[in-house]
Amino acid sequence: QVQLVESGGGLVQPGGSLRLSCAASGIFFSSYRVGWYRQAPGKERELVGHITSDGITIYAGSVKGRFTISRDNAKNTVSLEMNSLKSEDTAVYYCNLNRVRTGINYWGKGTLVTVSS
């Protein structure tokens, strides 16, 4: 069965950095576009960014220039490097795998990032 596990969340001060990871198993990883989403308390889930099978990335305007998504198909992992963190970045971050050709989606359970002083 497919399993996605996010890790790396925690408490960080404003201006700090954090690196999240998503490890996938039971899936042909290289066939999927991988997205990072987040949901803050009282708000709807939003797209942070995604990376295609070919390594092409897009980012939400709120994080562009501060966050970087990368993937390692050999290790079935994707990372989200977050820099210059703001309190507004506080949210539960989710990893998503999307099979573009079929539309199938898989979601991780999320990891909490709290940016606070």
Protein backbone atom coordinates (compact mmCIF):
# COMPACT_ATOMS: atom_id res chain seq x y z
CA GLN A 1 0.00 0.00 0.00
CA VAL A 2 1.01 3.59 -0.52
CA GLN A 3 2.45 5.43 2.45
CA LEU A 4 3.60 9.03 2.70
CA VAL A 5 5.34 10.25 5.84
CA GLU A 6 6.18 13.90 6.46
CA SER A 7 8.85 14.85 8.96
CA GLY A 8 10.88 17.84 10.09
CA GLY A 9 8.18 20.03 11.57
CA GLY A 10 8.62 21.84 14.83
CA LEU A 11 9.00 25.20 16.52
CA VAL A 12 11.19 27.84 14.94
CA GLN A 13 11.69 31.55 15.54
CA PRO A 14 10.79 34.15 12.93
CA GLY A 15 13.59 34.48 10.42
CA GLY A 16 14.71 30.93 11.01
CA SER A 17 14.85 27.95 8.69
CA LEU A 18 13.36 24.49 8.62
CA ARG A 19 13.56 21.56 6.24
CA LEU A 20 10.62 19.23 5.77
CA SER A 21 10.83 15.83 4.15
CA CYS A 22 8.28 13.49 2.63
CA ALA A 23 9.17 9.85 2.23
CA ALA A 24 7.08 7.68 -0.07
CA SER A 25 6.79 3.92 -0.23
CA GLY A 26 4.69 1.46 -2.17
CA ILE A 27 4.56 3.71 -5.21
CA PHE A 28 6.30 4.33 -8.51
CA PHE A 29 7.49 7.66 -7.21
CA SER A 30 8.99 9.12 -10.37
CA SER A 31 5.59 9.03 -12.11
CA TYR A 32 4.06 11.52 -9.69
CA ARG A 33 4.01 15.26 -9.36
CA VAL A 34 4.67 16.12 -5.72
CA GLY A 35 3.04 19.06 -4.03
CA TRP A 36 3.34 20.69 -0.65
CA TYR A 37 0.21 22.14 0.88
CA ARG A 38 -0.44 23.81 4.18
CA GLN A 39 -3.41 24.59 6.36
CA ALA A 40 -3.31 27.22 9.07
CA PRO A 41 -5.82 27.28 11.93
CA GLY A 42 -9.14 28.66 10.74
CA LYS A 43 -8.04 28.78 7.12
CA GLU A 44 -8.48 26.59 4.07
CA ARG A 45 -5.74 24.37 2.74
CA GLU A 46 -3.54 26.14 0.22
CA LEU A 47 -0.88 25.12 -2.24
CA VAL A 48 2.65 25.98 -1.20
CA GLY A 49 4.27 24.67 -4.36
CA HIS A 50 4.90 21.56 -6.39
CA ILE A 51 7.57 19.82 -8.38
CA THR A 52 6.92 17.79 -11.51
CA SER A 53 8.46 14.47 -12.46
CA ASP A 54 10.98 16.41 -14.53
CA GLY A 55 11.92 18.69 -11.64
CA ILE A 56 9.98 21.78 -12.70
CA THR A 57 8.77 23.79 -9.72
CA ILE A 58 6.12 26.40 -9.02
CA TYR A 59 5.51 28.29 -5.79
CA ALA A 60 2.79 30.34 -4.24
CA GLY A 61 3.55 34.04 -4.28
CA SER A 62 3.63 34.14 -0.48
CA VAL A 63 6.60 31.77 -0.31
CA LYS A 64 8.39 32.34 -3.60
CA GLY A 65 12.03 33.18 -3.02
CA ARG A 66 11.97 31.76 0.52
CA PHE A 67 10.97 28.12 -0.02
CA THR A 68 12.58 25.52 -2.26
CA ILE A 69 11.19 22.14 -3.28
CA SER A 70 13.46 19.34 -4.44
CA ARG A 71 13.09 15.63 -5.08
CA ASP A 72 15.27 12.56 -5.13
CA ASN A 73 13.58 9.89 -7.22
CA ALA A 74 16.21 7.31 -6.31
CA LYS A 75 15.33 7.69 -2.63
CA ASN A 76 11.60 8.31 -3.12
CA THR A 77 11.77 11.55 -1.18
CA VAL A 78 10.84 15.17 -1.63
CA SER A 79 11.97 18.08 0.51
CA LEU A 80 10.70 21.53 1.34
CA GLU A 81 13.43 23.91 2.44
CA MET A 82 11.95 26.89 4.24
CA ASN A 83 13.96 30.03 4.93
CA SER A 84 13.19 33.44 6.40
CA LEU A 85 10.17 32.00 8.12
CA LYS A 86 7.36 34.25 9.23
CA SER A 87 4.60 33.77 11.76
CA GLU A 88 2.20 33.60 8.82
CA ASP A 89 3.91 30.37 7.74
CA THR A 90 2.57 28.58 10.81
CA ALA A 91 0.48 25.66 9.58
CA VAL A 92 0.25 21.93 9.18
CA TYR A 93 2.19 21.03 6.06
CA TYR A 94 1.06 18.15 3.87
CA CYS A 95 2.79 16.18 1.15
CA ASN A 96 0.72 15.25 -1.89
CA LEU A 97 1.49 12.91 -4.76
CA ASN A 98 -0.52 13.42 -7.93
CA ARG A 99 -0.52 11.09 -10.91
CA VAL A 100 -1.19 13.67 -13.58
CA ARG A 101 -2.24 11.21 -16.27
CA THR A 102 -4.84 9.45 -14.13
CA GLY A 103 -5.67 12.13 -11.58
CA ILE A 104 -5.06 9.89 -8.59
CA ASN A 105 -3.88 11.58 -5.39
CA TYR A 106 -2.18 10.44 -2.21
CA TRP A 107 -1.79 12.49 0.95
CA GLY A 108 0.44 12.34 3.97
CA LYS A 109 -0.86 12.99 7.47
CA GLY A 110 0.97 16.28 7.84
CA THR A 111 3.62 17.81 10.06
CA LEU A 112 3.15 20.93 12.16
CA VAL A 113 5.34 23.98 11.68
CA THR A 114 5.07 26.71 14.28
CA VAL A 115 6.86 30.00 13.74
CA SER A 116 6.85 32.00 16.94
CA SER A 117 9.09 33.95 19.27
